[in-house]
Amino acid sequence: MNLTEEQFTQKLLTAQQNAADSIGYAEIPVKPGTVLKCAAVLIPLTFYKEEWHMLFTRRTDHVESHKGQVSFPGGACDEGETTPEQTALREAEEEIGIKPAEVKILGRLSHMITISNFRVSPIVGVVPWPYTFKVAGIEVARVFTIPLLWLANKSNYWEFSLRESDRSLIAYHPYDGELLWGATARMTVNFLKTVDILK
């Protein structure tokens, strides 16, 4: 089933109102006194071939952290940025050349606290397709999409616990040679649950 942009927006808004007092999802228990760093990502949706797709990037082997991993455009907040939308849109433009004015923001997901003590705000937005991306070669090796209904099919991913910690990990089966796992996979599944399309 293909939801409209308005339906996505309403489901995201309802979830945000219901979780107003929640810190969101934490990959590991947050110790009292931990200083969380501000970050945001853009979860880009695009509609083509008669269905919704989610857009991802694969990081290069030259970045400082998360080398070669699949991720959403995003990063740490800059001084002076007052909303996570500002951060997410700036990072998307820096990393893959998406102009902020060409992104239609639909809403937010609950925060995610990562093992590296970032408090990440996932911002959901629609980007045009086709699009001429300008990839930051130092950071991004590839831009690609995965159909939303493929991501929503539970037979395409699994969730398991890590013995050495209290963490649970989500990993998808490879798609077009790409492996989606970790925090990005968790945000993907959180989005699918929020908009009620997880099969």
C-alpha atoms as a PDB file:
ATOM      1  CA  MET A   1       0.000   0.000   0.000  1.00  0.00           C
ATOM      2  CA  ASN A   2       1.341   3.432  -0.959  1.00  0.00           C
ATOM      3  CA  LEU A   3       0.647   6.124   1.615  1.00  0.00           C
ATOM      4  CA  THR A   4       0.321   9.746   0.555  1.00  0.00           C
ATOM      5  CA  GLU A   5       2.639  12.457   1.849  1.00  0.00           C
ATOM      6  CA  GLU A   6      -0.239  13.737   3.966  1.00  0.00           C
ATOM      7  CA  GLN A   7      -0.747  10.295   5.526  1.00  0.00           C
ATOM      8  CA  PHE A   8       2.964  10.007   6.337  1.00  0.00           C
ATOM      9  CA  THR A   9       2.831  13.455   7.941  1.00  0.00           C
ATOM     10  CA  GLN A  10      -0.205  12.615  10.068  1.00  0.00           C
ATOM     11  CA  LYS A  11       1.253   9.332  11.324  1.00  0.00           C
ATOM     12  CA  LEU A  12       4.562  11.000  12.208  1.00  0.00           C
ATOM     13  CA  LEU A  13       2.758  13.831  14.008  1.00  0.00           C
ATOM     14  CA  THR A  14       0.562  11.427  15.992  1.00  0.00           C
ATOM     15  CA  ALA A  15       3.606   9.378  17.055  1.00  0.00           C
ATOM     16  CA  GLN A  16       5.508  12.515  18.064  1.00  0.00           C
ATOM     17  CA  GLN A  17       2.595  13.740  20.204  1.00  0.00           C
ATOM     18  CA  ASN A  18       2.265  10.338  21.890  1.00  0.00           C
ATOM     19  CA  ALA A  19       5.999  10.220  22.657  1.00  0.00           C
ATOM     20  CA  ALA A  20       6.362  13.794  23.861  1.00  0.00           C
ATOM     21  CA  ASP A  21       7.930  12.710  27.164  1.00  0.00           C
ATOM     22  CA  SER A  22      10.077   9.901  25.754  1.00  0.00           C
ATOM     23  CA  ILE A  23      13.820  10.048  25.141  1.00  0.00           C
ATOM     24  CA  GLY A  24      13.304   7.695  22.214  1.00  0.00           C
ATOM     25  CA  TYR A  25      15.393   4.603  21.546  1.00  0.00           C
ATOM     26  CA  ALA A  26      18.764   4.112  23.258  1.00  0.00           C
ATOM     27  CA  GLU A  27      21.224   1.578  21.802  1.00  0.00           C
ATOM     28  CA  ILE A  28      22.689   1.094  25.300  1.00  0.00           C
ATOM     29  CA  PRO A  29      21.569   2.237  28.762  1.00  0.00           C
ATOM     30  CA  VAL A  30      22.504   5.878  29.293  1.00  0.00           C
ATOM     31  CA  LYS A  31      24.473   6.422  32.470  1.00  0.00           C
ATOM     32  CA  PRO A  32      23.447   9.354  34.719  1.00  0.00           C
ATOM     33  CA  GLY A  33      25.515  12.423  33.974  1.00  0.00           C
ATOM     34  CA  THR A  34      26.321  11.375  30.411  1.00  0.00           C
ATOM     35  CA  VAL A  35      26.655  14.401  28.132  1.00  0.00           C
ATOM     36  CA  LEU A  36      24.880  13.657  24.868  1.00  0.00           C
ATOM     37  CA  LYS A  37      26.086  15.284  21.672  1.00  0.00           C
ATOM     38  CA  CYS A  38      23.558  16.771  19.267  1.00  0.00           C
ATOM     39  CA  ALA A  39      23.127  15.236  15.811  1.00  0.00           C
ATOM     40  CA  ALA A  40      20.473  14.834  13.127  1.00  0.00           C
ATOM     41  CA  VAL A  41      19.944  12.798   9.982  1.00  0.00           C
ATOM     42  CA  LEU A  42      17.652  13.185   7.013  1.00  0.00           C
ATOM     43  CA  ILE A  43      15.580  10.120   6.159  1.00  0.00           C
ATOM     44  CA  PRO A  44      14.891  10.869   2.483  1.00  0.00           C
ATOM     45  CA  LEU A  45      11.862   9.344   0.791  1.00  0.00           C
ATOM     46  CA  THR A  46      11.333   9.455  -2.955  1.00  0.00           C
ATOM     47  CA  PHE A  47       8.572   8.124  -5.176  1.00  0.00           C
ATOM     48  CA  TYR A  48       9.362   6.383  -8.441  1.00  0.00           C
ATOM     49  CA  LYS A  49       8.455   3.195 -10.308  1.00  0.00           C
ATOM     50  CA  GLU A  50       5.013   3.532  -8.705  1.00  0.00           C
ATOM     51  CA  GLU A  51       6.245   3.075  -5.136  1.00  0.00           C
ATOM     52  CA  TRP A  52       8.050   4.770  -2.276  1.00  0.00           C
ATOM     53  CA  HIS A  53      11.779   4.264  -1.831  1.00  0.00           C
ATOM     54  CA  MET A  54      14.109   5.232   0.995  1.00  0.00           C
ATOM     55  CA  LEU A  55      17.403   6.837   0.044  1.00  0.00           C
ATOM     56  CA  PHE A  56      20.706   5.861   1.659  1.00  0.00           C
ATOM     57  CA  THR A  57      24.390   6.614   1.269  1.00  0.00           C
ATOM     58  CA  ARG A  58      27.406   4.389   1.708  1.00  0.00           C
ATOM     59  CA  ARG A  59      30.314   6.061   3.484  1.00  0.00           C
ATOM     60  CA  THR A  60      33.803   5.898   2.037  1.00  0.00           C
ATOM     61  CA  ASP A  61      36.779   4.205   3.649  1.00  0.00           C
ATOM     62  CA  HIS A  62      38.360   7.637   4.191  1.00  0.00           C
ATOM     63  CA  VAL A  63      35.991   8.962   6.858  1.00  0.00           C
ATOM     64  CA  GLU A  64      36.989   9.013  10.511  1.00  0.00           C
ATOM     65  CA  SER A  65      34.260   6.656  11.738  1.00  0.00           C
ATOM     66  CA  HIS A  66      31.776   4.110  10.366  1.00  0.00           C
ATOM     67  CA  LYS A  67      33.924   3.433   7.310  1.00  0.00           C
ATOM     68  CA  GLY A  68      32.078   1.792   4.425  1.00  0.00           C
ATOM     69  CA  GLN A  69      28.771   1.659   6.296  1.00  0.00           C
ATOM     70  CA  VAL A  70      25.332   2.410   4.922  1.00  0.00           C
ATOM     71  CA  SER A  71      23.841   5.522   6.496  1.00  0.00           C
ATOM     72  CA  PHE A  72      21.471   8.430   6.094  1.00  0.00           C
ATOM     73  CA  PRO A  73      22.840  11.889   5.267  1.00  0.00           C
ATOM     74  CA  GLY A  74      23.524  13.561   8.585  1.00  0.00           C
ATOM     75  CA  GLY A  75      25.964  14.499  11.289  1.00  0.00           C
ATOM     76  CA  ALA A  76      26.662  16.632  14.338  1.00  0.00           C
ATOM     77  CA  CYS A  77      24.863  19.917  14.947  1.00  0.00           C
ATOM     78  CA  ASP A  78      26.748  23.101  14.144  1.00  0.00           C
ATOM     79  CA  GLU A  79      26.892  26.030  16.543  1.00  0.00           C
ATOM     80  CA  GLY A  80      23.960  28.336  15.914  1.00  0.00           C
ATOM     81  CA  GLU A  81      21.619  25.667  14.564  1.00  0.00           C
ATOM     82  CA  THR A  82      18.417  25.750  16.586  1.00  0.00           C
ATOM     83  CA  THR A  83      16.463  22.854  15.071  1.00  0.00           C
ATOM     84  CA  PRO A  84      17.377  19.322  13.966  1.00  0.00           C
ATOM     85  CA  GLU A  85      15.814  20.119  10.588  1.00  0.00           C
ATOM     86  CA  GLN A  86      18.524  22.738   9.999  1.00  0.00           C
ATOM     87  CA  THR A  87      21.239  20.208  10.788  1.00  0.00           C
ATOM     88  CA  ALA A  88      19.748  17.423   8.678  1.00  0.00           C
ATOM     89  CA  LEU A  89      19.222  19.654   5.638  1.00  0.00           C
ATOM     90  CA  ARG A  90      22.692  21.187   5.878  1.00  0.00           C
ATOM     91  CA  GLU A  91      24.339  17.781   6.123  1.00  0.00           C
ATOM     92  CA  ALA A  92      22.285  16.414   3.208  1.00  0.00           C
ATOM     93  CA  GLU A  93      23.398  19.328   1.050  1.00  0.00           C
ATOM     94  CA  GLU A  94      27.039  18.964   2.092  1.00  0.00           C
ATOM     95  CA  GLU A  95      27.144  15.197   1.605  1.00  0.00           C
ATOM     96  CA  ILE A  96      25.031  14.594  -1.505  1.00  0.00           C
ATOM     97  CA  GLY A  97      24.026  18.014  -2.845  1.00  0.00           C
ATOM     98  CA  ILE A  98      20.307  18.014  -2.018  1.00  0.00           C
ATOM     99  CA  LYS A  99      19.122  21.621  -1.898  1.00  0.00           C
ATOM    100  CA  PRO A 100      17.188  22.334   1.327  1.00  0.00           C
ATOM    101  CA  ALA A 101      14.450  24.139  -0.605  1.00  0.00           C
ATOM    102  CA  GLU A 102      13.830  20.959  -2.611  1.00  0.00           C
ATOM    103  CA  VAL A 103      13.131  18.795   0.456  1.00  0.00           C
ATOM    104  CA  LYS A 104       9.558  18.597   1.730  1.00  0.00           C
ATOM    105  CA  ILE A 105       9.797  17.900   5.462  1.00  0.00           C
ATOM    106  CA  LEU A 106       7.107  15.479   6.651  1.00  0.00           C
ATOM    107  CA  GLY A 107       8.020  15.161  10.327  1.00  0.00           C
ATOM    108  CA  ARG A 108      10.351  13.637  12.898  1.00  0.00           C
ATOM    109  CA  LEU A 109      10.933  10.272  14.502  1.00  0.00           C
ATOM    110  CA  SER A 110      11.753   9.770  18.170  1.00  0.00           C
ATOM    111  CA  HIS A 111      15.331  10.498  19.129  1.00  0.00           C
ATOM    112  CA  MET A 112      17.933   7.763  19.052  1.00  0.00           C
ATOM    113  CA  ILE A 113      20.838   7.700  21.499  1.00  0.00           C
ATOM    114  CA  THR A 114      23.779   5.901  19.940  1.00  0.00           C
ATOM    115  CA  ILE A 115      26.621   3.965  21.536  1.00  0.00           C
ATOM    116  CA  SER A 116      28.855   6.946  20.736  1.00  0.00           C
ATOM    117  CA  ASN A 117      26.632   9.170  22.948  1.00  0.00           C
ATOM    118  CA  PHE A 118      24.986  11.122  20.137  1.00  0.00           C
ATOM    119  CA  ARG A 119      21.346  12.119  20.541  1.00  0.00           C
ATOM    120  CA  VAL A 120      20.235  11.793  16.933  1.00  0.00           C
ATOM    121  CA  SER A 121      17.049  13.396  15.625  1.00  0.00           C
ATOM    122  CA  PRO A 122      15.789  11.600  12.490  1.00  0.00           C
ATOM    123  CA  ILE A 123      13.997  14.024  10.129  1.00  0.00           C
ATOM    124  CA  VAL A 124      11.766  12.559   7.422  1.00  0.00           C
ATOM    125  CA  GLY A 125      11.516  14.380   4.107  1.00  0.00           C
ATOM    126  CA  VAL A 126      10.578  13.800   0.484  1.00  0.00           C
ATOM    127  CA  VAL A 127      13.124  14.536  -2.260  1.00  0.00           C
ATOM    128  CA  PRO A 128      12.403  14.771  -5.999  1.00  0.00           C
ATOM    129  CA  TRP A 129      13.259  11.937  -8.364  1.00  0.00           C
ATOM    130  CA  PRO A 130      15.239  11.767 -10.577  1.00  0.00           C
ATOM    131  CA  TYR A 131      17.797  14.024  -8.904  1.00  0.00           C
ATOM    132  CA  THR A 132      21.302  15.154  -9.810  1.00  0.00           C
ATOM    133  CA  PHE A 133      23.316  14.397  -6.706  1.00  0.00           C
ATOM    134  CA  LYS A 134      26.626  16.128  -6.012  1.00  0.00           C
ATOM    135  CA  VAL A 135      28.440  13.613  -3.869  1.00  0.00           C
ATOM    136  CA  ALA A 136      31.128  14.683  -1.409  1.00  0.00           C
ATOM    137  CA  GLY A 137      33.731  12.162  -2.540  1.00  0.00           C
ATOM    138  CA  ILE A 138      35.663  12.254   0.715  1.00  0.00           C
ATOM    139  CA  GLU A 139      32.610  11.158   2.723  1.00  0.00           C
ATOM    140  CA  VAL A 140      30.196   9.388   0.376  1.00  0.00           C
ATOM    141  CA  ALA A 141      30.981   6.482  -1.945  1.00  0.00           C
ATOM    142  CA  ARG A 142      27.470   5.838  -3.268  1.00  0.00           C
ATOM    143  CA  VAL A 143      23.866   7.057  -3.178  1.00  0.00           C
ATOM    144  CA  PHE A 144      21.149   4.427  -3.668  1.00  0.00           C
ATOM    145  CA  THR A 145      17.543   3.628  -2.792  1.00  0.00           C
ATOM    146  CA  ILE A 146      15.674   0.605  -1.441  1.00  0.00           C
ATOM    147  CA  PRO A 147      11.904   0.132  -1.929  1.00  0.00           C
ATOM    148  CA  LEU A 148       9.941   0.815   1.236  1.00  0.00           C
ATOM    149  CA  LEU A 149       7.872  -2.350   0.901  1.00  0.00           C
ATOM    150  CA  TRP A 150      11.035  -4.458   0.641  1.00  0.00           C
ATOM    151  CA  LEU A 151      12.338  -2.832   3.830  1.00  0.00           C
ATOM    152  CA  ALA A 152       8.975  -3.455   5.523  1.00  0.00           C
ATOM    153  CA  ASN A 153       9.049  -7.187   4.802  1.00  0.00           C
ATOM    154  CA  LYS A 154      10.199  -8.885   8.011  1.00  0.00           C
ATOM    155  CA  SER A 155      11.690 -11.773   6.057  1.00  0.00           C
ATOM    156  CA  ASN A 156      14.314  -9.334   4.740  1.00  0.00           C
ATOM    157  CA  TYR A 157      15.895  -8.552   8.121  1.00  0.00           C
ATOM    158  CA  TRP A 158      16.548 -10.084  11.486  1.00  0.00           C
ATOM    159  CA  GLU A 159      17.031  -8.772  15.024  1.00  0.00           C
ATOM    160  CA  PHE A 160      19.301 -10.427  17.526  1.00  0.00           C
ATOM    161  CA  SER A 161      20.977  -9.748  20.865  1.00  0.00           C
ATOM    162  CA  LEU A 162      24.714  -9.316  21.298  1.00  0.00           C
ATOM    163  CA  ARG A 163      26.159 -11.595  23.967  1.00  0.00           C
ATOM    164  CA  GLU A 164      28.723  -9.134  25.269  1.00  0.00           C
ATOM    165  CA  SER A 165      26.173  -6.389  25.960  1.00  0.00           C
ATOM    166  CA  ASP A 166      22.503  -5.606  26.457  1.00  0.00           C
ATOM    167  CA  ARG A 167      22.251  -4.328  22.898  1.00  0.00           C
ATOM    168  CA  SER A 168      20.040  -5.757  20.189  1.00  0.00           C
ATOM    169  CA  LEU A 169      21.055  -5.357  16.570  1.00  0.00           C
ATOM    170  CA  ILE A 170      19.022  -5.179  13.373  1.00  0.00           C
ATOM    171  CA  ALA A 171      20.589  -6.266  10.089  1.00  0.00           C
ATOM    172  CA  TYR A 172      19.012  -6.550   6.662  1.00  0.00           C
ATOM    173  CA  HIS A 173      19.837  -9.071   3.988  1.00  0.00           C
ATOM    174  CA  PRO A 174      22.002  -7.496   1.256  1.00  0.00           C
ATOM    175  CA  TYR A 175      20.138  -5.391  -1.298  1.00  0.00           C
ATOM    176  CA  ASP A 176      21.878  -4.419  -4.535  1.00  0.00           C
ATOM    177  CA  GLY A 177      25.171  -5.334  -2.884  1.00  0.00           C
ATOM    178  CA  GLU A 178      24.583  -3.065   0.126  1.00  0.00           C
ATOM    179  CA  LEU A 179      24.289  -4.134   3.761  1.00  0.00           C
ATOM    180  CA  LEU A 180      21.979  -2.088   5.984  1.00  0.00           C
ATOM    181  CA  TRP A 181      22.494  -2.657   9.704  1.00  0.00           C
ATOM    182  CA  GLY A 182      23.069  -0.980  13.064  1.00  0.00           C
ATOM    183  CA  ALA A 183      21.662   2.441  13.975  1.00  0.00           C
ATOM    184  CA  THR A 184      20.552   3.184  10.396  1.00  0.00           C
ATOM    185  CA  ALA A 185      18.624  -0.100  10.220  1.00  0.00           C
ATOM    186  CA  ARG A 186      17.076   0.658  13.633  1.00  0.00           C
ATOM    187  CA  MET A 187      15.901   4.095  12.450  1.00  0.00           C
ATOM    188  CA  THR A 188      14.543   2.485   9.279  1.00  0.00           C
ATOM    189  CA  VAL A 189      12.500  -0.035  11.254  1.00  0.00           C
ATOM    190  CA  ASN A 190      11.358   2.666  13.702  1.00  0.00           C
ATOM    191  CA  PHE A 191      10.058   4.672  10.742  1.00  0.00           C
ATOM    192  CA  LEU A 192       8.253   1.666   9.261  1.00  0.00           C
ATOM    193  CA  LYS A 193       6.623   0.937  12.623  1.00  0.00           C
ATOM    194  CA  THR A 194       5.640   4.576  13.077  1.00  0.00           C
ATOM    195  CA  VAL A 195       3.840   4.747   9.726  1.00  0.00           C
ATOM    196  CA  ASP A 196       2.250   1.296  10.218  1.00  0.00           C
ATOM    197  CA  ILE A 197       3.605  -0.441   7.123  1.00  0.00           C
ATOM    198  CA  LEU A 198       5.859  -3.028   8.764  1.00  0.00           C
ATOM    199  CA  LYS A 199       4.629  -6.427   7.580  1.00  0.00           C
END
